[in-house]
PDB file of N, CA and C in Angstrom:
ATOM      1  N   MET A   1      34.735-148.861-131.942  1.00  0.00           N
ATOM      2  CA  MET A   1      33.719-148.669-132.938  1.00  0.00           C
ATOM      3  C   MET A   1      32.777-147.579-132.513  1.00  0.00           C
ATOM      4  N   ALA A   2      32.266-146.919-133.335  1.00  0.00           N
ATOM      5  CA  ALA A   2      31.057-145.907-133.200  1.00  0.00           C
ATOM      6  C   ALA A   2      30.011-146.296-133.842  1.00  0.00           C
ATOM      7  N   ASP A   3      28.715-145.922-133.496  1.00  0.00           N
ATOM      8  CA  ASP A   3      27.498-146.322-134.337  1.00  0.00           C
ATOM      9  C   ASP A   3      26.487-145.052-134.024  1.00  0.00           C
ATOM     10  N   ILE A   4      26.106-144.473-135.020  1.00  0.00           N
ATOM     11  CA  ILE A   4      24.947-143.470-135.035  1.00  0.00           C
ATOM     12  C   ILE A   4      23.593-143.963-135.788  1.00  0.00           C
ATOM     13  N   HIS A   5      22.672-143.833-135.045  1.00  0.00           N
ATOM     14  CA  HIS A   5      21.313-144.127-135.580  1.00  0.00           C
ATOM     15  C   HIS A   5      20.571-142.975-135.694  1.00  0.00           C
ATOM     16  N   PHE A   6      20.145-142.675-137.029  1.00  0.00           N
ATOM     17  CA  PHE A   6      19.248-141.551-137.195  1.00  0.00           C
ATOM     18  C   PHE A   6      17.839-141.988-137.444  1.00  0.00           C
ATOM     19  N   GLU A   7      16.748-141.131-136.987  1.00  0.00           N
ATOM     20  CA  GLU A   7      15.388-141.222-137.323  1.00  0.00           C
ATOM     21  C   GLU A   7      14.849-139.789-137.400  1.00  0.00           C
ATOM     22  N   ASN A   8      13.766-139.793-138.226  1.00  0.00           N
ATOM     23  CA  ASN A   8      12.997-138.662-138.346  1.00  0.00           C
ATOM     24  C   ASN A   8      13.904-137.404-138.883  1.00  0.00           C
ATOM     25  N   GLY A   9      14.626-137.538-139.850  1.00  0.00           N
ATOM     26  CA  GLY A   9      15.552-136.408-140.540  1.00  0.00           C
ATOM     27  C   GLY A   9      16.840-136.474-139.701  1.00  0.00           C
ATOM     28  N   PHE A  10      17.393-135.407-139.356  1.00  0.00           N
ATOM     29  CA  PHE A  10      18.765-135.369-138.510  1.00  0.00           C
ATOM     30  C   PHE A  10      18.647-135.284-137.106  1.00  0.00           C
ATOM     31  N   ASN A  11      18.166-136.467-136.504  1.00  0.00           N
ATOM     32  CA  ASN A  11      18.197-136.593-135.145  1.00  0.00           C
ATOM     33  C   ASN A  11      18.719-137.995-134.882  1.00  0.00           C
ATOM     34  N   GLY A  12      19.908-137.919-134.327  1.00  0.00           N
ATOM     35  CA  GLY A  12      20.767-139.321-134.100  1.00  0.00           C
ATOM     36  C   GLY A  12      20.959-139.700-132.521  1.00  0.00           C
ATOM     37  N   VAL A  13      21.296-140.764-132.544  1.00  0.00           N
ATOM     38  CA  VAL A  13      21.968-141.100-131.236  1.00  0.00           C
ATOM     39  C   VAL A  13      23.317-141.876-131.516  1.00  0.00           C
ATOM     40  N   TYR A  14      24.417-141.387-130.804  1.00  0.00           N
ATOM     41  CA  TYR A  14      25.683-141.752-131.100  1.00  0.00           C
ATOM     42  C   TYR A  14      26.065-142.494-130.052  1.00  0.00           C
ATOM     43  N   CYS A  15      26.424-143.895-130.055  1.00  0.00           N
ATOM     44  CA  CYS A  15      26.712-144.765-129.240  1.00  0.00           C
ATOM     45  C   CYS A  15      28.214-145.199-129.240  1.00  0.00           C
ATOM     46  N   VAL A  16      29.217-144.835-128.242  1.00  0.00           N
ATOM     47  CA  VAL A  16      30.489-145.123-128.199  1.00  0.00           C
ATOM     48  C   VAL A  16      30.928-145.624-126.786  1.00  0.00           C
ATOM     49  N   GLN A  17      31.521-146.908-126.805  1.00  0.00           N
ATOM     50  CA  GLN A  17      31.718-147.569-125.458  1.00  0.00           C
ATOM     51  C   GLN A  17      30.801-147.360-124.239  1.00  0.00           C
ATOM     52  N   ASP A  18      29.631-147.722-124.762  1.00  0.00           N
ATOM     53  CA  ASP A  18      28.546-147.617-123.565  1.00  0.00           C
ATOM     54  C   ASP A  18      28.004-146.101-123.193  1.00  0.00           C
ATOM     55  N   GLN A  19      28.545-145.249-123.840  1.00  0.00           N
ATOM     56  CA  GLN A  19      28.084-143.696-123.627  1.00  0.00           C
ATOM     57  C   GLN A  19      27.157-143.489-124.898  1.00  0.00           C
ATOM     58  N   VAL A  20      26.281-142.535-124.545  1.00  0.00           N
ATOM     59  CA  VAL A  20      25.252-142.174-125.703  1.00  0.00           C
ATOM     60  C   VAL A  20      25.139-140.634-125.684  1.00  0.00           C
ATOM     61  N   LEU A  21      25.165-140.064-126.898  1.00  0.00           N
ATOM     62  CA  LEU A  21      25.165-138.698-127.193  1.00  0.00           C
ATOM     63  C   LEU A  21      24.026-138.444-128.188  1.00  0.00           C
ATOM     64  N   ARG A  22      23.148-137.443-128.017  1.00  0.00           N
ATOM     65  CA  ARG A  22      22.096-137.029-129.036  1.00  0.00           C
ATOM     66  C   ARG A  22      22.876-136.000-129.958  1.00  0.00           C
ATOM     67  N   ILE A  23      22.494-136.366-131.317  1.00  0.00           N
ATOM     68  CA  ILE A  23      23.220-135.759-132.338  1.00  0.00           C
ATOM     69  C   ILE A  23      22.023-135.099-133.245  1.00  0.00           C
ATOM     70  N   GLY A  24      22.247-133.814-133.794  1.00  0.00           N
ATOM     71  CA  GLY A  24      21.282-133.166-134.891  1.00  0.00           C
ATOM     72  C   GLY A  24      20.560-132.164-134.232  1.00  0.00           C
ATOM     73  N   ASN A  25      19.178-132.175-134.892  1.00  0.00           N
ATOM     74  CA  ASN A  25      18.445-131.061-134.584  1.00  0.00           C
ATOM     75  C   ASN A  25      18.043-130.822-133.032  1.00  0.00           C
ATOM     76  N   GLU A  26      18.013-131.908-132.354  1.00  0.00           N
ATOM     77  CA  GLU A  26      17.582-131.918-130.782  1.00  0.00           C
ATOM     78  C   GLU A  26      18.895-132.352-130.169  1.00  0.00           C
ATOM     79  N   GLY A  27      20.079-132.170-130.608  1.00  0.00           N
ATOM     80  CA  GLY A  27      21.326-132.416-129.811  1.00  0.00           C
ATOM     81  C   GLY A  27      22.331-131.658-130.301  1.00  0.00           C
ATOM     82  N   ILE A  28      23.627-132.391-130.219  1.00  0.00           N
ATOM     83  CA  ILE A  28      25.011-131.688-130.474  1.00  0.00           C
ATOM     84  C   ILE A  28      25.156-131.675-131.978  1.00  0.00           C
ATOM     85  N   GLN A  29      25.584-130.616-132.670  1.00  0.00           N
ATOM     86  CA  GLN A  29      25.731-130.520-134.028  1.00  0.00           C
ATOM     87  C   GLN A  29      27.434-131.153-134.285  1.00  0.00           C
ATOM     88  N   PRO A  30      27.583-131.356-135.739  1.00  0.00           N
ATOM     89  CA  PRO A  30      28.796-132.017-136.082  1.00  0.00           C
ATOM     90  C   PRO A  30      29.981-131.184-135.399  1.00  0.00           C
ATOM     91  N   TYR A  31      30.091-129.802-135.774  1.00  0.00           N
ATOM     92  CA  TYR A  31      31.305-129.059-135.551  1.00  0.00           C
ATOM     93  C   TYR A  31      31.428-129.096-133.845  1.00  0.00           C
ATOM     94  N   ASP A  32      30.257-129.258-133.169  1.00  0.00           N
ATOM     95  CA  ASP A  32      30.420-129.385-131.684  1.00  0.00           C
ATOM     96  C   ASP A  32      31.283-130.522-131.269  1.00  0.00           C
ATOM     97  N   MET A  33      31.099-131.594-131.947  1.00  0.00           N
ATOM     98  CA  MET A  33      31.879-132.882-131.814  1.00  0.00           C
ATOM     99  C   MET A  33      33.109-132.732-132.247  1.00  0.00           C
ATOM    100  N   THR A  34      33.472-131.950-133.254  1.00  0.00           N
ATOM    101  CA  THR A  34      34.718-131.647-133.975  1.00  0.00           C
ATOM    102  C   THR A  34      35.603-130.980-132.949  1.00  0.00           C
ATOM    103  N   PHE A  35      35.000-129.638-132.318  1.00  0.00           N
ATOM    104  CA  PHE A  35      35.614-128.956-131.394  1.00  0.00           C
ATOM    105  C   PHE A  35      36.093-129.774-130.126  1.00  0.00           C
ATOM    106  N   GLY A  36      34.968-130.658-129.764  1.00  0.00           N
ATOM    107  CA  GLY A  36      35.286-131.310-128.677  1.00  0.00           C
ATOM    108  C   GLY A  36      36.253-132.318-128.585  1.00  0.00           C
ATOM    109  N   ALA A  37      36.360-133.024-129.807  1.00  0.00           N
ATOM    110  CA  ALA A  37      37.488-133.882-130.133  1.00  0.00           C
ATOM    111  C   ALA A  37      39.068-133.136-130.078  1.00  0.00           C
ATOM    112  N   VAL A  38      38.952-132.225-130.851  1.00  0.00           N
ATOM    113  CA  VAL A  38      40.085-131.239-130.781  1.00  0.00           C
ATOM    114  C   VAL A  38      40.555-130.872-129.485  1.00  0.00           C
ATOM    115  N   ALA A  39      39.587-130.301-128.578  1.00  0.00           N
ATOM    116  CA  ALA A  39      39.880-129.888-127.309  1.00  0.00           C
ATOM    117  C   ALA A  39      40.501-131.090-126.426  1.00  0.00           C
ATOM    118  N   SER A  40      39.940-132.222-126.583  1.00  0.00           N
ATOM    119  CA  SER A  40      40.169-133.256-125.833  1.00  0.00           C
ATOM    120  C   SER A  40      41.798-133.875-126.140  1.00  0.00           C
ATOM    121  N   CYS A  41      41.703-133.913-127.367  1.00  0.00           N
ATOM    122  CA  CYS A  41      43.219-134.465-127.901  1.00  0.00           C
ATOM    123  C   CYS A  41      44.276-133.431-127.477  1.00  0.00           C
ATOM    124  N   PHE A  42      44.055-132.073-127.614  1.00  0.00           N
ATOM    125  CA  PHE A  42      44.790-130.938-127.503  1.00  0.00           C
ATOM    126  C   PHE A  42      45.293-131.350-125.902  1.00  0.00           C
ATOM    127  N   TYR A  43      44.335-131.228-124.933  1.00  0.00           N
ATOM    128  CA  TYR A  43      44.491-131.350-123.493  1.00  0.00           C
ATOM    129  C   TYR A  43      45.216-132.660-123.109  1.00  0.00           C
ATOM    130  N   ALA A  44      44.741-133.842-123.797  1.00  0.00           N
ATOM    131  CA  ALA A  44      45.492-135.163-123.429  1.00  0.00           C
ATOM    132  C   ALA A  44      46.989-134.908-123.736  1.00  0.00           C
ATOM    133  N   THR A  45      47.258-134.424-124.844  1.00  0.00           N
ATOM    134  CA  THR A  45      48.677-134.188-125.326  1.00  0.00           C
ATOM    135  C   THR A  45      49.477-133.258-124.507  1.00  0.00           C
ATOM    136  N   PHE A  46      48.805-132.264-124.044  1.00  0.00           N
ATOM    137  CA  PHE A  46      49.319-131.089-123.180  1.00  0.00           C
ATOM    138  C   PHE A  46      49.754-131.637-121.974  1.00  0.00           C
ATOM    139  N   LEU A  47      48.857-132.645-121.274  1.00  0.00           N
ATOM    140  CA  LEU A  47      49.193-133.355-120.150  1.00  0.00           C
ATOM    141  C   LEU A  47      50.318-134.417-120.287  1.00  0.00           C
ATOM    142  N   GLY A  48      50.485-134.977-121.320  1.00  0.00           N
ATOM    143  CA  GLY A  48      51.742-135.801-121.822  1.00  0.00           C
ATOM    144  C   GLY A  48      52.949-134.941-121.690  1.00  0.00           C
ATOM    145  N   VAL A  49      52.991-133.743-122.403  1.00  0.00           N
ATOM    146  CA  VAL A  49      53.991-132.863-122.255  1.00  0.00           C
ATOM    147  C   VAL A  49      54.436-132.350-120.918  1.00  0.00           C
ATOM    148  N   LEU A  50      53.483-131.997-120.131  1.00  0.00           N
ATOM    149  CA  LEU A  50      53.697-131.786-118.894  1.00  0.00           C
ATOM    150  C   LEU A  50      54.298-132.585-117.962  1.00  0.00           C
ATOM    151  N   LYS A  51      53.835-133.943-118.208  1.00  0.00           N
ATOM    152  CA  LYS A  51      54.556-134.996-117.522  1.00  0.00           C
ATOM    153  C   LYS A  51      56.092-135.045-117.777  1.00  0.00           C
ATOM    154  N   GLU A  52      56.428-135.118-119.192  1.00  0.00           N
ATOM    155  CA  GLU A  52      57.723-135.187-119.773  1.00  0.00           C
ATOM    156  C   GLU A  52      58.645-133.983-119.128  1.00  0.00           C
ATOM    157  N   HIS A  53      57.975-132.777-118.810  1.00  0.00           N
ATOM    158  CA  HIS A  53      58.718-131.722-118.263  1.00  0.00           C
ATOM    159  C   HIS A  53      58.500-131.603-116.723  1.00  0.00           C
ATOM    160  N   GLY A  54      57.864-132.387-115.965  1.00  0.00           N
ATOM    161  CA  GLY A  54      57.669-132.428-114.681  1.00  0.00           C
ATOM    162  C   GLY A  54      56.893-131.247-114.085  1.00  0.00           C
ATOM    163  N   VAL A  55      55.930-130.799-114.926  1.00  0.00           N
ATOM    164  CA  VAL A  55      55.038-129.668-114.799  1.00  0.00           C
ATOM    165  C   VAL A  55      53.716-130.076-114.318  1.00  0.00           C
ATOM    166  N   THR A  56      53.038-129.536-113.345  1.00  0.00           N
ATOM    167  CA  THR A  56      51.630-130.058-112.872  1.00  0.00           C
ATOM    168  C   THR A  56      50.661-128.967-113.179  1.00  0.00           C
ATOM    169  N   VAL A  57      49.388-129.357-113.487  1.00  0.00           N
ATOM    170  CA  VAL A  57      48.273-128.491-113.397  1.00  0.00           C
ATOM    171  C   VAL A  57      47.303-129.213-112.565  1.00  0.00           C
ATOM    172  N   ARG A  58      46.440-128.218-111.718  1.00  0.00           N
ATOM    173  CA  ARG A  58      45.340-128.790-110.802  1.00  0.00           C
ATOM    174  C   ARG A  58      44.074-129.013-111.788  1.00  0.00           C
ATOM    175  N   SER A  59      43.821-128.221-112.670  1.00  0.00           N
ATOM    176  CA  SER A  59      42.627-128.148-113.431  1.00  0.00           C
ATOM    177  C   SER A  59      42.769-127.388-114.677  1.00  0.00           C
ATOM    178  N   ALA A  60      41.956-127.308-115.612  1.00  0.00           N
ATOM    179  CA  ALA A  60      42.137-126.491-116.781  1.00  0.00           C
ATOM    180  C   ALA A  60      40.815-126.438-117.432  1.00  0.00           C
ATOM    181  N   GLU A  61      40.734-125.397-118.010  1.00  0.00           N
ATOM    182  CA  GLU A  61      39.461-125.098-119.034  1.00  0.00           C
ATOM    183  C   GLU A  61      40.090-124.867-120.496  1.00  0.00           C
ATOM    184  N   VAL A  62      39.616-125.607-121.627  1.00  0.00           N
ATOM    185  CA  VAL A  62      40.071-125.445-123.067  1.00  0.00           C
ATOM    186  C   VAL A  62      38.718-124.898-123.546  1.00  0.00           C
ATOM    187  N   THR A  63      38.843-123.870-124.364  1.00  0.00           N
ATOM    188  CA  THR A  63      37.736-123.113-125.072  1.00  0.00           C
ATOM    189  C   THR A  63      38.196-123.334-126.445  1.00  0.00           C
ATOM    190  N   VAL A  64      37.223-123.779-127.333  1.00  0.00           N
ATOM    191  CA  VAL A  64      37.543-123.775-128.916  1.00  0.00           C
ATOM    192  C   VAL A  64      36.528-123.007-129.474  1.00  0.00           C
ATOM    193  N   ASP A  65      36.924-122.111-130.496  1.00  0.00           N
ATOM    194  CA  ASP A  65      36.181-121.317-131.283  1.00  0.00           C
ATOM    195  C   ASP A  65      36.795-121.546-132.885  1.00  0.00           C
ATOM    196  N   GLY A  66      35.936-121.578-133.497  1.00  0.00           N
ATOM    197  CA  GLY A  66      36.364-121.517-134.983  1.00  0.00           C
ATOM    198  C   GLY A  66      35.358-120.936-135.959  1.00  0.00           C
ATOM    199  N   ARG A  67      35.931-120.970-137.213  1.00  0.00           N
ATOM    200  CA  ARG A  67      35.009-120.220-138.280  1.00  0.00           C
ATOM    201  C   ARG A  67      34.991-121.098-139.546  1.00  0.00           C
ATOM    202  N   LYS A  68      34.006-121.489-140.091  1.00  0.00           N
ATOM    203  CA  LYS A  68      33.867-122.136-141.264  1.00  0.00           C
ATOM    204  C   LYS A  68      33.917-121.423-142.588  1.00  0.00           C
ATOM    205  N   ARG A  69      34.514-121.719-143.621  1.00  0.00           N
ATOM    206  CA  ARG A  69      34.481-121.327-144.897  1.00  0.00           C
ATOM    207  C   ARG A  69      33.170-121.244-145.363  1.00  0.00           C
ATOM    208  N   THR A  70      32.725-120.270-146.274  1.00  0.00           N
ATOM    209  CA  THR A  70      31.531-120.086-146.849  1.00  0.00           C
ATOM    210  C   THR A  70      31.405-120.874-148.208  1.00  0.00           C
ATOM    211  N   GLU A  71      32.674-121.186-148.850  1.00  0.00           N
ATOM    212  CA  GLU A  71      32.435-121.870-150.103  1.00  0.00           C
ATOM    213  C   GLU A  71      32.464-123.472-149.722  1.00  0.00           C
ATOM    214  N   VAL A  72      31.895-124.142-150.607  1.00  0.00           N
ATOM    215  CA  VAL A  72      31.816-125.579-150.620  1.00  0.00           C
ATOM    216  C   VAL A  72      33.224-126.252-151.086  1.00  0.00           C
ATOM    217  N   PRO A  73      33.844-127.233-150.498  1.00  0.00           N
ATOM    218  CA  PRO A  73      33.267-127.713-148.899  1.00  0.00           C
ATOM    219  C   PRO A  73      33.687-126.730-147.837  1.00  0.00           C
ATOM    220  N   THR A  74      32.681-126.517-146.821  1.00  0.00           N
ATOM    221  CA  THR A  74      32.932-125.598-146.006  1.00  0.00           C
ATOM    222  C   THR A  74      33.688-125.985-144.751  1.00  0.00           C
ATOM    223  N   THR A  75      34.937-126.282-145.024  1.00  0.00           N
ATOM    224  CA  THR A  75      35.914-126.618-144.172  1.00  0.00           C
ATOM    225  C   THR A  75      36.151-125.730-143.062  1.00  0.00           C
ATOM    226  N   LEU A  76      36.868-126.058-142.149  1.00  0.00           N
ATOM    227  CA  LEU A  76      37.317-124.877-141.133  1.00  0.00           C
ATOM    228  C   LEU A  76      38.258-123.918-141.751  1.00  0.00           C
ATOM    229  N   GLU A  77      38.255-122.695-141.426  1.00  0.00           N
ATOM    230  CA  GLU A  77      39.094-121.622-141.798  1.00  0.00           C
ATOM    231  C   GLU A  77      39.984-121.156-140.844  1.00  0.00           C
ATOM    232  N   TYR A  78      39.553-121.090-139.843  1.00  0.00           N
ATOM    233  CA  TYR A  78      40.198-120.683-138.498  1.00  0.00           C
ATOM    234  C   TYR A  78      39.698-121.439-137.232  1.00  0.00           C
ATOM    235  N   LEU A  79      40.622-121.791-136.434  1.00  0.00           N
ATOM    236  CA  LEU A  79      40.297-122.482-135.177  1.00  0.00           C
ATOM    237  C   LEU A  79      41.316-121.885-133.993  1.00  0.00           C
ATOM    238  N   LYS A  80      40.627-121.497-133.043  1.00  0.00           N
ATOM    239  CA  LYS A  80      41.369-120.834-131.728  1.00  0.00           C
ATOM    240  C   LYS A  80      41.138-121.768-130.467  1.00  0.00           C
ATOM    241  N   LEU A  81      42.236-122.317-129.849  1.00  0.00           N
ATOM    242  CA  LEU A  81      42.199-122.872-128.544  1.00  0.00           C
ATOM    243  C   LEU A  81      42.653-121.834-127.650  1.00  0.00           C
ATOM    244  N   THR A  82      41.878-121.798-126.247  1.00  0.00           N
ATOM    245  CA  THR A  82      42.165-121.060-125.392  1.00  0.00           C
ATOM    246  C   THR A  82      42.408-121.896-124.109  1.00  0.00           C
ATOM    247  N   LEU A  83      43.631-121.965-123.558  1.00  0.00           N
ATOM    248  CA  LEU A  83      43.852-122.856-122.392  1.00  0.00           C
ATOM    249  C   LEU A  83      44.081-121.952-121.232  1.00  0.00           C
ATOM    250  N   GLN A  84      43.253-122.413-120.156  1.00  0.00           N
ATOM    251  CA  GLN A  84      43.154-121.487-119.055  1.00  0.00           C
ATOM    252  C   GLN A  84      43.375-122.636-117.998  1.00  0.00           C
ATOM    253  N   PRO A  85      44.814-123.011-117.435  1.00  0.00           N
ATOM    254  CA  PRO A  85      45.218-123.926-116.522  1.00  0.00           C
ATOM    255  C   PRO A  85      45.259-123.131-115.039  1.00  0.00           C
ATOM    256  N   GLU A  86      44.982-124.037-114.134  1.00  0.00           N
ATOM    257  CA  GLU A  86      45.309-123.622-112.802  1.00  0.00           C
ATOM    258  C   GLU A  86      46.705-124.322-112.366  1.00  0.00           C
ATOM    259  N   SER A  87      47.634-123.742-112.180  1.00  0.00           N
ATOM    260  CA  SER A  87      49.034-124.288-111.778  1.00  0.00           C
ATOM    261  C   SER A  87      49.707-123.313-111.172  1.00  0.00           C
ATOM    262  N   ASP A  88      50.929-123.826-110.413  1.00  0.00           N
ATOM    263  CA  ASP A  88      51.801-123.179-109.882  1.00  0.00           C
ATOM    264  C   ASP A  88      53.017-122.832-110.679  1.00  0.00           C
ATOM    265  N   ALA A  89      53.018-123.582-111.824  1.00  0.00           N
ATOM    266  CA  ALA A  89      54.080-123.210-112.689  1.00  0.00           C
ATOM    267  C   ALA A  89      54.247-121.781-113.444  1.00  0.00           C
ATOM    268  N   SER A  90      55.543-121.375-113.813  1.00  0.00           N
ATOM    269  CA  SER A  90      55.463-120.257-114.387  1.00  0.00           C
ATOM    270  C   SER A  90      54.729-120.183-115.909  1.00  0.00           C
ATOM    271  N   LYS A  91      54.564-118.832-116.234  1.00  0.00           N
ATOM    272  CA  LYS A  91      53.862-118.655-117.406  1.00  0.00           C
ATOM    273  C   LYS A  91      54.545-119.149-118.586  1.00  0.00           C
ATOM    274  N   GLU A  92      55.815-118.933-118.580  1.00  0.00           N
ATOM    275  CA  GLU A  92      56.829-119.388-119.503  1.00  0.00           C
ATOM    276  C   GLU A  92      56.862-120.845-119.740  1.00  0.00           C
ATOM    277  N   GLU A  93      56.941-121.608-118.504  1.00  0.00           N
ATOM    278  CA  GLU A  93      56.801-123.130-118.574  1.00  0.00           C
ATOM    279  C   GLU A  93      55.511-123.572-119.364  1.00  0.00           C
ATOM    280  N   LEU A  94      54.546-123.102-118.841  1.00  0.00           N
ATOM    281  CA  LEU A  94      53.105-123.324-119.390  1.00  0.00           C
ATOM    282  C   LEU A  94      53.001-123.100-120.874  1.00  0.00           C
ATOM    283  N   GLU A  95      53.475-121.852-121.268  1.00  0.00           N
ATOM    284  CA  GLU A  95      53.434-121.593-122.719  1.00  0.00           C
ATOM    285  C   GLU A  95      54.241-122.307-123.452  1.00  0.00           C
ATOM    286  N   ALA A  96      55.484-122.712-123.177  1.00  0.00           N
ATOM    287  CA  ALA A  96      56.371-123.723-123.856  1.00  0.00           C
ATOM    288  C   ALA A  96      55.664-125.205-124.029  1.00  0.00           C
ATOM    289  N   CYS A  97      55.059-125.609-122.938  1.00  0.00           N
ATOM    290  CA  CYS A  97      54.306-126.837-122.908  1.00  0.00           C
ATOM    291  C   CYS A  97      53.303-126.974-123.926  1.00  0.00           C
ATOM    292  N   MET A  98      52.455-125.786-123.854  1.00  0.00           N
ATOM    293  CA  MET A  98      51.214-125.522-124.699  1.00  0.00           C
ATOM    294  C   MET A  98      51.700-125.689-126.260  1.00  0.00           C
ATOM    295  N   GLN A  99      52.852-124.830-126.433  1.00  0.00           N
ATOM    296  CA  GLN A  99      53.317-124.882-127.907  1.00  0.00           C
ATOM    297  C   GLN A  99      53.749-126.221-128.402  1.00  0.00           C
ATOM    298  N   GLU A 100      54.385-126.966-127.360  1.00  0.00           N
ATOM    299  CA  GLU A 100      54.928-128.270-127.743  1.00  0.00           C
ATOM    300  C   GLU A 100      53.699-129.107-127.950  1.00  0.00           C
ATOM    301  N   ALA A 101      52.712-129.127-127.123  1.00  0.00           N
ATOM    302  CA  ALA A 101      51.495-129.865-127.224  1.00  0.00           C
ATOM    303  C   ALA A 101      50.611-129.655-128.615  1.00  0.00           C
ATOM    304  N   LEU A 102      50.657-128.448-129.123  1.00  0.00           N
ATOM    305  CA  LEU A 102      50.171-127.992-130.379  1.00  0.00           C
ATOM    306  C   LEU A 102      50.891-128.702-131.463  1.00  0.00           C
ATOM    307  N   GLY A 103      52.106-128.741-131.343  1.00  0.00           N
ATOM    308  CA  GLY A 103      52.900-129.306-132.589  1.00  0.00           C
ATOM    309  C   GLY A 103      52.939-130.891-132.513  1.00  0.00           C
ATOM    310  N   LYS A 104      52.496-131.455-131.288  1.00  0.00           N
ATOM    311  CA  LYS A 104      52.398-133.005-131.200  1.00  0.00           C
ATOM    312  C   LYS A 104      50.857-133.498-131.459  1.00  0.00           C
ATOM    313  N   CYS A 105      49.867-132.798-131.256  1.00  0.00           N
ATOM    314  CA  CYS A 105      48.575-133.161-131.149  1.00  0.00           C
ATOM    315  C   CYS A 105      48.121-133.477-132.383  1.00  0.00           C
ATOM    316  N   SER A 106      47.722-134.843-132.772  1.00  0.00           N
ATOM    317  CA  SER A 106      47.309-135.360-134.003  1.00  0.00           C
ATOM    318  C   SER A 106      46.118-134.688-134.648  1.00  0.00           C
ATOM    319  N   MET A 107      45.020-134.172-133.696  1.00  0.00           N
ATOM    320  CA  MET A 107      43.841-133.534-134.242  1.00  0.00           C
ATOM    321  C   MET A 107      44.180-132.208-134.558  1.00  0.00           C
ATOM    322  N   VAL A 108      45.142-131.481-133.875  1.00  0.00           N
ATOM    323  CA  VAL A 108      45.548-130.288-134.318  1.00  0.00           C
ATOM    324  C   VAL A 108      46.107-130.336-135.713  1.00  0.00           C
ATOM    325  N   ALA A 109      47.049-131.165-135.970  1.00  0.00           N
ATOM    326  CA  ALA A 109      47.679-131.336-137.068  1.00  0.00           C
ATOM    327  C   ALA A 109      46.800-131.679-138.159  1.00  0.00           C
ATOM    328  N   THR A 110      45.586-132.400-137.894  1.00  0.00           N
ATOM    329  CA  THR A 110      44.716-132.684-138.957  1.00  0.00           C
ATOM    330  C   THR A 110      43.888-131.278-139.297  1.00  0.00           C
ATOM    331  N   ILE A 111      43.504-130.586-138.355  1.00  0.00           N
ATOM    332  CA  ILE A 111      42.930-129.345-138.526  1.00  0.00           C
ATOM    333  C   ILE A 111      43.715-128.289-139.325  1.00  0.00           C
ATOM    334  N   LYS A 112      45.148-128.461-138.939  1.00  0.00           N
ATOM    335  CA  LYS A 112      46.000-127.267-139.485  1.00  0.00           C
ATOM    336  C   LYS A 112      46.166-127.754-141.138  1.00  0.00           C
ATOM    337  N   ALA A 113      45.837-128.591-141.601  1.00  0.00           N
ATOM    338  CA  ALA A 113      45.663-129.141-142.901  1.00  0.00           C
ATOM    339  C   ALA A 113      44.816-128.093-143.909  1.00  0.00           C
ATOM    340  N   VAL A 114      43.868-127.674-143.120  1.00  0.00           N
ATOM    341  CA  VAL A 114      42.791-127.041-143.887  1.00  0.00           C
ATOM    342  C   VAL A 114      42.538-125.579-143.320  1.00  0.00           C
ATOM    343  N   ALA A 115      43.071-125.338-141.895  1.00  0.00           N
ATOM    344  CA  ALA A 115      42.638-124.064-141.279  1.00  0.00           C
ATOM    345  C   ALA A 115      43.969-123.470-140.522  1.00  0.00           C
ATOM    346  N   GLN A 116      43.875-122.136-140.347  1.00  0.00           N
ATOM    347  CA  GLN A 116      44.921-121.541-139.297  1.00  0.00           C
ATOM    348  C   GLN A 116      44.507-121.961-138.077  1.00  0.00           C
ATOM    349  N   VAL A 117      45.522-122.254-137.309  1.00  0.00           N
ATOM    350  CA  VAL A 117      45.230-122.694-135.900  1.00  0.00           C
ATOM    351  C   VAL A 117      46.114-121.618-134.854  1.00  0.00           C
ATOM    352  N   GLU A 118      45.371-121.177-134.014  1.00  0.00           N
ATOM    353  CA  GLU A 118      46.068-120.380-132.887  1.00  0.00           C
ATOM    354  C   GLU A 118      45.708-120.832-131.564  1.00  0.00           C
ATOM    355  N   ALA A 119      46.470-120.653-130.558  1.00  0.00           N
ATOM    356  CA  ALA A 119      46.217-120.963-129.318  1.00  0.00           C
ATOM    357  C   ALA A 119      46.663-119.822-128.327  1.00  0.00           C
ATOM    358  N   GLU A 120      46.013-119.618-127.242  1.00  0.00           N
ATOM    359  CA  GLU A 120      46.336-118.420-126.154  1.00  0.00           C
ATOM    360  C   GLU A 120      46.286-119.265-124.921  1.00  0.00           C
ATOM    361  N   LEU A 121      47.140-118.883-124.134  1.00  0.00           N
ATOM    362  CA  LEU A 121      47.442-119.184-122.680  1.00  0.00           C
ATOM    363  C   LEU A 121      46.623-118.081-121.827  1.00  0.00           C
ATOM    364  N   VAL A 122      45.761-118.470-121.143  1.00  0.00           N
ATOM    365  CA  VAL A 122      45.216-117.373-120.257  1.00  0.00           C
ATOM    366  C   VAL A 122      45.233-117.838-118.682  1.00  0.00           C
ATOM    367  N   LEU A 123      46.166-117.113-117.854  1.00  0.00           N
ATOM    368  CA  LEU A 123      46.456-117.383-116.587  1.00  0.00           C
ATOM    369  C   LEU A 123      45.504-116.684-115.561  1.00  0.00           C
ATOM    370  N   PRO A 124      44.900-117.269-114.423  1.00  0.00           N
ATOM    371  CA  PRO A 124      44.209-116.264-113.583  1.00  0.00           C
ATOM    372  C   PRO A 124      45.171-115.470-112.917  1.00  0.00           C
ATOM    373  N   GLU A 125      44.692-114.358-112.401  1.00  0.00           N
ATOM    374  CA  GLU A 125      45.419-113.300-111.700  1.00  0.00           C
ATOM    375  C   GLU A 125      45.933-114.008-110.317  1.00  0.00           C
ATOM    376  N   ARG A 126      47.205-113.681-110.003  1.00  0.00           N
ATOM    377  CA  ARG A 126      47.686-114.443-108.856  1.00  0.00           C
ATOM    378  C   ARG A 126      47.514-113.120-107.737  1.00  0.00           C
ATOM    379  N   LYS A 127      47.077-113.739-106.479  1.00  0.00           N
ATOM    380  CA  LYS A 127      46.822-112.761-105.496  1.00  0.00           C
ATOM    381  C   LYS A 127      48.263-112.321-105.075  1.00  0.00           C
ATOM    382  N   GLN A 128      48.234-110.886-104.834  1.00  0.00           N
ATOM    383  CA  GLN A 128      49.274-110.261-104.189  1.00  0.00           C
ATOM    384  C   GLN A 128      49.103-110.315-102.644  1.00  0.00           C
ATOM    385  N   ASP A 129      50.168-110.477-102.055  1.00  0.00           N
ATOM    386  CA  ASP A 129      50.128-110.425-100.464  1.00  0.00           C
ATOM    387  C   ASP A 129      50.304-109.077 -99.881  1.00  0.00           C
TER     388      ASP A 129
END
């Protein structure tokens, strides 16, 4: 269960499982939470796919960018996920796992109902010996 208490206009405190997040004029905006939810769901799904394929990553960055429509309702029009994993796996293995995770992630599927979704895999430059 989640509870948000608002005071003095659009200033809220969102409480979930003993965690507190400030929302609104003095905190995080609604689409910031949406982007965080999509990135988290996608990465959790990606980890599950990696496990299924025996692939590991040491860490990763997921960046989310999006654009809302100007007409009401101002749903998302476009969403881009950029995945930057640190791994010894090949680019092909990671790309295949990322694409599979995109197809399995429930939040991505929800967003795809209203928006174009794109993903990009970015790997760090490997050092040459």
